Protein backbone atom coordinates (compact mmCIF):
# COMPACT_ATOMS: atom_id res chain seq x y z
CA UNK A 1 1.77 -46.53 10.17
CA UNK A 2 5.14 -47.64 9.08
CA UNK A 3 8.14 -45.53 8.77
CA UNK A 4 8.02 -45.52 5.21
CA UNK A 5 4.45 -44.39 5.32
CA UNK A 6 5.07 -41.60 7.08
CA UNK A 7 8.01 -40.62 5.15
CA UNK A 8 5.71 -40.34 2.45
CA UNK A 9 3.08 -38.19 3.75
CA UNK A 10 5.89 -35.74 4.80
CA UNK A 11 7.17 -35.88 1.58
CA UNK A 12 3.87 -35.28 -0.14
CA UNK A 13 3.20 -32.29 2.26
CA UNK A 14 6.54 -30.82 1.57
CA UNK A 15 6.13 -31.09 -2.32
CA UNK A 16 2.40 -30.20 -2.48
CA UNK A 17 3.20 -26.74 -0.94
CA UNK A 18 5.80 -26.43 -3.96
CA UNK A 19 4.08 -28.05 -6.93
CA UNK A 20 0.85 -26.19 -6.17
CA UNK A 21 1.99 -22.88 -7.19
CA UNK A 22 4.25 -24.15 -9.88
CA UNK A 23 0.79 -25.39 -11.45
CA UNK A 24 -0.80 -22.35 -10.90
CA UNK A 25 1.94 -20.33 -12.47
CA UNK A 26 2.15 -22.37 -15.38
CA UNK A 27 -1.42 -23.05 -15.97
CA UNK A 28 -4.00 -21.08 -14.42
CA UNK A 29 -2.57 -17.68 -14.56
CA UNK A 30 -3.34 -16.99 -18.16
CA UNK A 31 -7.27 -16.50 -17.09
CA UNK A 32 -6.43 -13.97 -14.92
CA UNK A 33 -5.07 -11.63 -17.60
CA UNK A 34 -8.44 -11.03 -18.91
CA UNK A 35 -9.38 -9.82 -15.50
CA UNK A 36 -7.01 -6.69 -16.05
CA UNK A 37 -8.46 -3.32 -17.09
CA UNK A 38 -8.44 -2.33 -20.62
CA UNK A 39 -5.78 0.36 -21.61
CA UNK A 40 -6.86 3.80 -22.29
CA UNK A 41 -7.89 4.71 -25.73
CA UNK A 42 -6.09 7.17 -27.60
CA UNK A 43 -7.91 10.50 -28.18
CA UNK A 44 -6.96 13.20 -30.67
CA UNK A 45 -7.87 15.92 -28.23
CA UNK A 46 -5.87 14.52 -25.31
CA UNK A 47 -3.44 16.99 -23.21
CA UNK A 48 -0.83 14.44 -23.17
CA UNK A 49 0.02 15.27 -27.17
CA UNK A 50 1.62 18.86 -26.08
């Protein structure tokens, strides 16, 4: 491998670790919001009303 190719691989490894979480944060995290538990429904006889 030439010096330029080796430098390219080093750059790829460094930037892949930065770009991967950024891509997940921007694109994939919306699918995980649907996994959160549903909010507790309001009940008229709820003891928190007092």
